[in-house]
Protein backbone atom coordinates (compact mmCIF):
# COMPACT_ATOMS: atom_id res chain seq x y z
CA MET A 1 -3.77 -24.64 10.47
CA ASN A 2 -2.79 -21.69 12.21
CA ARG A 3 -1.18 -19.09 9.71
CA GLU A 4 0.19 -16.03 11.10
CA PRO A 5 -1.02 -12.62 9.63
CA GLU A 6 1.00 -11.56 6.48
CA ALA A 7 2.74 -8.49 8.47
CA ALA A 8 3.82 -11.13 11.02
CA THR A 9 5.27 -13.33 8.25
CA PRO A 10 9.20 -14.08 9.43
CA LEU A 11 11.43 -12.82 6.78
CA SER A 12 13.33 -15.58 4.98
CA GLU A 13 16.93 -16.40 5.33
CA ASP A 14 17.82 -14.97 1.84
CA GLU A 15 15.89 -11.79 2.38
CA LYS A 16 17.83 -11.44 6.06
CA ASP A 17 21.01 -11.71 3.88
CA GLN A 18 20.24 -8.56 2.03
CA LEU A 19 18.70 -6.51 4.76
CA ILE A 20 20.87 -3.69 5.95
CA PRO A 21 19.21 -3.49 9.60
CA GLY A 22 19.68 -6.56 11.35
CA HIS A 23 17.13 -5.80 13.84
CA LEU A 24 13.86 -6.73 11.53
CA VAL A 25 12.53 -10.11 11.95
CA ASN A 26 9.05 -10.06 10.29
CA ARG A 27 7.23 -8.49 7.50
CA GLU A 28 5.18 -5.98 9.27
CA GLN A 29 8.65 -4.48 10.92
CA LEU A 30 10.42 -4.66 7.27
CA ASN A 31 7.20 -2.57 5.84
CA GLU A 32 7.44 0.47 8.71
CA TRP A 33 11.16 0.21 8.21
CA GLU A 34 10.69 0.82 4.39
CA GLN A 35 8.14 3.31 4.75
CA ARG A 36 10.56 5.47 6.54
CA ASN A 37 13.07 4.74 3.99
CA ILE A 38 10.82 6.03 1.34
CA LEU A 39 9.56 9.16 3.19
CA GLU A 40 13.36 10.29 3.32
CA ALA A 41 13.48 9.66 -0.47
CA GLU A 42 10.53 11.71 -1.43
CA GLN A 43 12.13 14.43 0.84
CA TRP A 44 15.20 14.41 -1.50
CA ALA A 45 13.07 14.08 -4.85
CA PHE A 46 10.85 17.10 -3.97
CA SER A 47 13.69 19.04 -2.86
CA GLN A 48 14.62 20.32 -5.98
CA ARG A 49 13.59 20.19 -9.61
CA ARG A 50 15.97 18.07 -11.57
CA THR A 51 16.93 18.03 -15.36
CA ARG A 52 17.41 14.46 -16.33
CA VAL A 53 14.43 12.37 -14.40
CA LEU A 54 14.14 10.78 -17.73
CA SER A 55 17.28 9.03 -17.66
CA ALA A 56 18.39 5.39 -16.10
CA GLY A 57 20.75 6.90 -13.80
CA PHE A 58 17.92 8.66 -12.27
CA VAL A 59 15.53 5.91 -12.38
CA ARG A 60 18.29 3.79 -10.22
CA ALA A 61 19.16 6.95 -8.27
CA LEU A 62 15.54 7.25 -7.13
CA HIS A 63 15.51 3.42 -6.23
CA ARG A 64 18.54 3.49 -4.24
CA ARG A 65 17.36 6.48 -2.07
CA MET A 66 13.89 5.01 -1.55
CA PHE A 67 15.36 1.62 -0.14
CA ASP A 68 19.35 2.55 0.70
CA ARG A 69 18.94 1.91 4.53
CA THR A 70 17.16 -1.39 3.93
CA TRP A 71 18.37 -3.38 1.03
CA LYS A 72 21.88 -3.89 -0.04
CA TRP A 73 20.92 -4.10 -3.69
CA ALA A 74 18.82 -0.77 -3.54
CA GLY A 75 19.30 0.80 -6.77
CA SER A 76 20.33 -1.88 -8.61
CA PHE A 77 18.83 -4.10 -11.72
CA ARG A 78 17.61 -7.46 -10.72
CA THR A 79 19.93 -10.26 -12.03
CA THR A 80 17.17 -12.90 -12.21
CA ASP A 81 13.88 -13.61 -14.39
CA ARG A 82 10.25 -13.22 -12.08
CA ASN A 83 6.82 -14.01 -13.52
CA ILE A 84 6.19 -10.26 -14.13
CA GLY A 85 8.66 -7.74 -16.21
CA VAL A 86 11.34 -8.60 -18.76
CA PRO A 87 13.83 -11.02 -18.70
CA ALA A 88 16.81 -9.59 -16.55
CA HIS A 89 19.28 -9.07 -19.89
CA GLN A 90 16.72 -6.98 -21.09
CA ILE A 91 16.04 -4.68 -18.51
CA PRO A 92 18.60 -1.52 -19.56
CA THR A 93 17.18 -2.11 -23.24
CA ALA A 94 13.45 -1.93 -22.12
CA LEU A 95 14.17 0.89 -19.26
CA ARG A 96 16.05 3.03 -21.96
CA ASN A 97 12.83 2.40 -24.53
CA SER A 98 10.31 3.38 -21.81
CA LEU A 99 12.16 6.47 -20.88
CA ASP A 100 12.40 7.36 -24.34
CA ASP A 101 9.03 6.87 -25.19
CA ALA A 102 7.96 9.12 -22.30
CA GLU A 103 10.48 12.08 -23.55
CA HIS A 104 8.87 11.76 -26.94
CA TRP A 105 5.45 11.78 -25.77
CA LEU A 106 6.19 15.51 -23.80
CA GLU A 107 8.07 16.91 -26.63
CA ASN A 108 5.46 16.26 -29.18
CA GLU A 109 2.53 16.43 -26.96
CA VAL A 110 1.17 13.33 -27.55
CA PHE A 111 -0.72 13.01 -24.50
CA PRO A 112 -1.43 15.43 -21.88
CA ILE A 113 1.38 15.59 -19.07
CA PRO A 114 -0.65 14.04 -16.35
CA GLU A 115 -1.01 10.95 -18.77
CA VAL A 116 2.37 10.68 -19.65
CA ALA A 117 3.39 10.09 -16.26
CA VAL A 118 0.68 7.27 -15.77
CA ARG A 119 1.97 5.60 -18.89
CA LEU A 120 5.69 6.23 -17.75
CA HIS A 121 4.37 4.55 -14.41
CA HIS A 122 2.96 1.65 -16.30
CA ARG A 123 6.02 1.12 -18.22
CA LEU A 124 8.32 0.94 -15.46
CA VAL A 125 5.99 -1.66 -13.69
CA SER A 126 6.01 -3.45 -16.72
CA VAL A 127 9.81 -3.38 -16.85
CA HIS A 128 10.18 -4.23 -13.44
CA PRO A 129 13.73 -3.48 -13.18
CA PHE A 130 14.56 -3.92 -9.59
CA PRO A 131 14.54 -6.97 -7.47
CA ASN A 132 11.66 -5.49 -5.14
CA GLY A 133 9.78 -1.90 -4.70
CA ASN A 134 9.16 -1.24 -8.66
CA GLU A 135 5.29 -0.58 -7.92
CA ARG A 136 6.45 1.96 -5.35
CA HIS A 137 8.96 3.26 -7.48
CA ALA A 138 7.38 3.83 -10.38
CA ARG A 139 4.56 5.69 -8.62
CA LEU A 140 7.17 8.06 -7.20
CA ALA A 141 8.96 8.17 -10.37
CA ALA A 142 5.73 9.70 -12.13
CA ASP A 143 4.93 12.11 -9.38
CA VAL A 144 8.28 13.41 -9.42
CA LEU A 145 8.07 13.79 -13.47
CA LEU A 146 5.11 15.53 -12.68
CA PHE A 147 6.81 17.77 -9.81
CA ASN A 148 9.55 18.51 -12.30
CA LEU A 149 6.86 19.68 -14.88
CA ASN A 150 5.28 22.05 -12.32
CA LYS A 151 2.29 19.76 -12.21
CA SER A 152 0.33 18.29 -9.28
CA ARG A 153 1.31 14.67 -7.95
CA LEU A 154 -1.47 11.94 -8.62
CA ASP A 155 -3.36 10.79 -5.72
CA TRP A 156 -3.10 7.16 -6.79
CA GLY A 157 -6.41 5.79 -5.61
CA GLY A 158 -6.27 7.87 -2.49
CA ALA A 159 -5.27 4.99 -0.37
CA PRO A 160 -2.32 3.06 0.42
CA LEU A 161 -1.61 0.46 -2.13
CA ASP A 162 1.05 -1.62 -0.25
CA SER A 163 -1.18 -3.54 1.39
CA SER A 164 -4.01 -5.99 0.16
CA GLY A 165 -7.81 -4.45 -0.05
CA GLN A 166 -10.03 -3.12 -2.45
CA LYS A 167 -7.98 0.11 -3.59
CA ARG A 168 -4.86 -2.43 -4.25
CA GLU A 169 -7.06 -4.73 -5.88
CA GLU A 170 -8.67 -1.83 -8.31
CA TYR A 171 -5.03 -0.63 -8.84
CA ILE A 172 -3.88 -4.40 -10.09
CA ARG A 173 -7.15 -4.50 -12.25
CA ALA A 174 -6.10 -1.27 -13.88
CA LEU A 175 -2.64 -2.23 -14.49
CA GLN A 176 -3.66 -5.25 -16.21
CA ALA A 177 -6.11 -3.57 -18.22
CA ALA A 178 -3.20 -1.17 -19.28
CA ASP A 179 -1.11 -4.27 -20.17
CA ALA A 180 -3.79 -5.04 -22.72
CA GLY A 181 -3.67 -1.75 -24.13
CA ASP A 182 -6.81 -0.29 -22.06
CA PHE A 183 -5.33 2.80 -19.81
CA ASN A 184 -9.00 4.01 -19.12
CA PRO A 185 -8.89 1.97 -15.67
CA LEU A 186 -5.85 3.44 -14.85
CA LEU A 187 -6.53 6.92 -15.96
CA GLN A 188 -9.55 6.81 -13.98
CA PHE A 189 -7.76 5.17 -10.82
CA VAL A 190 -5.56 8.22 -10.63
CA GLY A 191 -8.60 10.81 -11.25
CA LEU A 192 -7.74 11.76 -14.60
CA VAL A 193 -11.13 10.71 -16.42
C-alpha cells in the first residue's frame, strides 16, 4: 500500500472546517502557514516586556496570536478530552494552579529562573489547554517568561521539534521523564545541566 508522506496527508473535513485560510489542502501547507503565524506571534511577544505573563489571559492571548490566522479556535480552551492533558472541564483550574506555582517558585527562589521556565513549560504541556499547538505554545510561553525576567531564551534542543526525528523523540522522552518527576532529562535537553 502506498502512503503519502505525513506532510502531504490531506486535511480532514473537520480540520478544514476550523481553518481560516481556505487554500490549504495538506499538512505541509498547514505547517508552513502555522509557522508564519507563529513567527508573527514571536515578534509581538518579544516587542515589549509584559507585566502579567503568568496569567490565564496572557496564556490565551499568546496562543491566539500564534494561531489567529490559522484556526478559528485560536486562544480558546479545548472542549473535548484527549489522550493527553487534564479533562477539559479541569483546564481553567489546572492552568491557574500551574501559573500560581510558577509565580511561587519565582517569588521564593525555589528554582533558578531558567528552571522555573522549564517547569512551567512542562506544566503547560501537561494541562494541554488547547485543541492543538500546546507544545509550541508552552515553549514560547517559557521563553516569554524568561524574556520578561531579562534572561535568555532556551535553545530547546537546538533543532525544530515539530517534525519527527531524533531531537523530537529526545524531547518527548524528556517530557515523559518529567511526568514521572525526573526533570534532569528536560533540563539537559535545554542545556541547563
